[in-house]
């Protein structure tokens, strides 16, 4: 998991600080969301995974598929 042996990380104070900074950077990067959600309210247009808008016909077809009709 670590690209170097544990015994070599803590031989140098600077190497230990760099290692700890990398761990903290990774934790912050993983824990923060990519984008803040926007509050569009009633004007929000539903989109699919590619970002293109979804029409009401697409939603109706999906509902029929899920219901098994």
C-alpha atoms as a PDB file:
ATOM      1  CA  UNK A   1       0.000   0.000   0.000  1.00  0.00           C
ATOM      2  CA  UNK A   2       2.844   2.382   0.809  1.00  0.00           C
ATOM      3  CA  UNK A   3       5.443   2.670  -1.964  1.00  0.00           C
ATOM      4  CA  UNK A   4       8.278   2.480   0.565  1.00  0.00           C
ATOM      5  CA  UNK A   5       9.069   0.478   3.657  1.00  0.00           C
ATOM      6  CA  UNK A   6       7.691   1.795   6.944  1.00  0.00           C
ATOM      7  CA  UNK A   7      11.162   1.853   8.510  1.00  0.00           C
ATOM      8  CA  UNK A   8      12.433   4.364   5.908  1.00  0.00           C
ATOM      9  CA  UNK A   9       9.524   6.788   6.342  1.00  0.00           C
ATOM     10  CA  UNK A  10      10.438   7.814   9.879  1.00  0.00           C
ATOM     11  CA  UNK A  11      14.247   7.963   9.526  1.00  0.00           C
ATOM     12  CA  UNK A  12      13.962  11.585   8.463  1.00  0.00           C
ATOM     13  CA  UNK A  13      11.780  14.186  10.111  1.00  0.00           C
ATOM     14  CA  UNK A  14      11.058  15.794   6.730  1.00  0.00           C
ATOM     15  CA  UNK A  15      10.094  12.503   5.142  1.00  0.00           C
ATOM     16  CA  UNK A  16       7.686  11.851   8.023  1.00  0.00           C
ATOM     17  CA  UNK A  17       6.153  15.297   7.577  1.00  0.00           C
ATOM     18  CA  UNK A  18       5.721  14.755   3.840  1.00  0.00           C
ATOM     19  CA  UNK A  19       4.150  11.351   4.470  1.00  0.00           C
ATOM     20  CA  UNK A  20       1.734  12.822   7.044  1.00  0.00           C
ATOM     21  CA  UNK A  21       0.847  15.691   4.690  1.00  0.00           C
ATOM     22  CA  UNK A  22       0.044  13.173   1.967  1.00  0.00           C
ATOM     23  CA  UNK A  23      -2.227  11.217   4.307  1.00  0.00           C
ATOM     24  CA  UNK A  24      -4.049  14.400   5.357  1.00  0.00           C
ATOM     25  CA  UNK A  25      -4.357  15.555   1.740  1.00  0.00           C
ATOM     26  CA  UNK A  26      -5.824  12.185   0.751  1.00  0.00           C
ATOM     27  CA  UNK A  27      -8.312  12.296   3.649  1.00  0.00           C
ATOM     28  CA  UNK A  28      -9.485  15.794   2.732  1.00  0.00           C
ATOM     29  CA  UNK A  29      -9.723  14.896  -0.960  1.00  0.00           C
ATOM     30  CA  UNK A  30     -11.836  11.822  -0.230  1.00  0.00           C
ATOM     31  CA  UNK A  31     -14.101  13.444   2.355  1.00  0.00           C
ATOM     32  CA  UNK A  32     -15.106  16.608   0.480  1.00  0.00           C
ATOM     33  CA  UNK A  33     -17.820  16.495  -2.200  1.00  0.00           C
ATOM     34  CA  UNK A  34     -16.887  17.279  -5.791  1.00  0.00           C
ATOM     35  CA  UNK A  35     -19.488  19.979  -6.311  1.00  0.00           C
ATOM     36  CA  UNK A  36     -21.831  21.794  -3.994  1.00  0.00           C
ATOM     37  CA  UNK A  37     -25.506  21.142  -4.715  1.00  0.00           C
ATOM     38  CA  UNK A  38     -27.433  24.088  -6.078  1.00  0.00           C
ATOM     39  CA  UNK A  39     -30.874  25.056  -4.905  1.00  0.00           C
ATOM     40  CA  UNK A  40     -32.695  25.445  -8.234  1.00  0.00           C
ATOM     41  CA  UNK A  41     -36.148  24.944  -6.735  1.00  0.00           C
ATOM     42  CA  UNK A  42     -39.079  24.410  -9.096  1.00  0.00           C
ATOM     43  CA  UNK A  43     -37.028  25.348 -12.171  1.00  0.00           C
ATOM     44  CA  UNK A  44     -34.740  22.321 -11.865  1.00  0.00           C
ATOM     45  CA  UNK A  45     -34.612  20.182 -14.996  1.00  0.00           C
ATOM     46  CA  UNK A  46     -33.907  16.489 -14.391  1.00  0.00           C
ATOM     47  CA  UNK A  47     -30.884  15.186 -16.262  1.00  0.00           C
ATOM     48  CA  UNK A  48     -29.461  11.750 -16.979  1.00  0.00           C
ATOM     49  CA  UNK A  49     -25.931  10.550 -16.228  1.00  0.00           C
ATOM     50  CA  UNK A  50     -24.517  12.326 -19.290  1.00  0.00           C
ATOM     51  CA  UNK A  51     -26.086  15.655 -18.270  1.00  0.00           C
ATOM     52  CA  UNK A  52     -28.667  15.855 -21.044  1.00  0.00           C
ATOM     53  CA  UNK A  53     -32.235  16.773 -20.033  1.00  0.00           C
ATOM     54  CA  UNK A  54     -34.798  14.016 -19.510  1.00  0.00           C
ATOM     55  CA  UNK A  55     -38.212  14.441 -21.121  1.00  0.00           C
ATOM     56  CA  UNK A  56     -41.547  13.479 -19.598  1.00  0.00           C
ATOM     57  CA  UNK A  57     -41.899  10.727 -22.226  1.00  0.00           C
ATOM     58  CA  UNK A  58     -38.630   9.179 -21.036  1.00  0.00           C
ATOM     59  CA  UNK A  59     -39.852   9.236 -17.439  1.00  0.00           C
ATOM     60  CA  UNK A  60     -43.183   7.634 -18.436  1.00  0.00           C
ATOM     61  CA  UNK A  61     -41.385   4.888 -20.382  1.00  0.00           C
ATOM     62  CA  UNK A  62     -39.145   4.188 -17.391  1.00  0.00           C
ATOM     63  CA  UNK A  63     -42.129   4.022 -15.037  1.00  0.00           C
ATOM     64  CA  UNK A  64     -43.820   1.488 -17.359  1.00  0.00           C
ATOM     65  CA  UNK A  65     -40.633  -0.588 -17.477  1.00  0.00           C
ATOM     66  CA  UNK A  66     -40.295  -0.598 -13.691  1.00  0.00           C
ATOM     67  CA  UNK A  67     -43.984  -1.473 -13.195  1.00  0.00           C
ATOM     68  CA  UNK A  68     -43.679  -4.354 -15.674  1.00  0.00           C
ATOM     69  CA  UNK A  69     -46.376  -3.117 -18.091  1.00  0.00           C
END
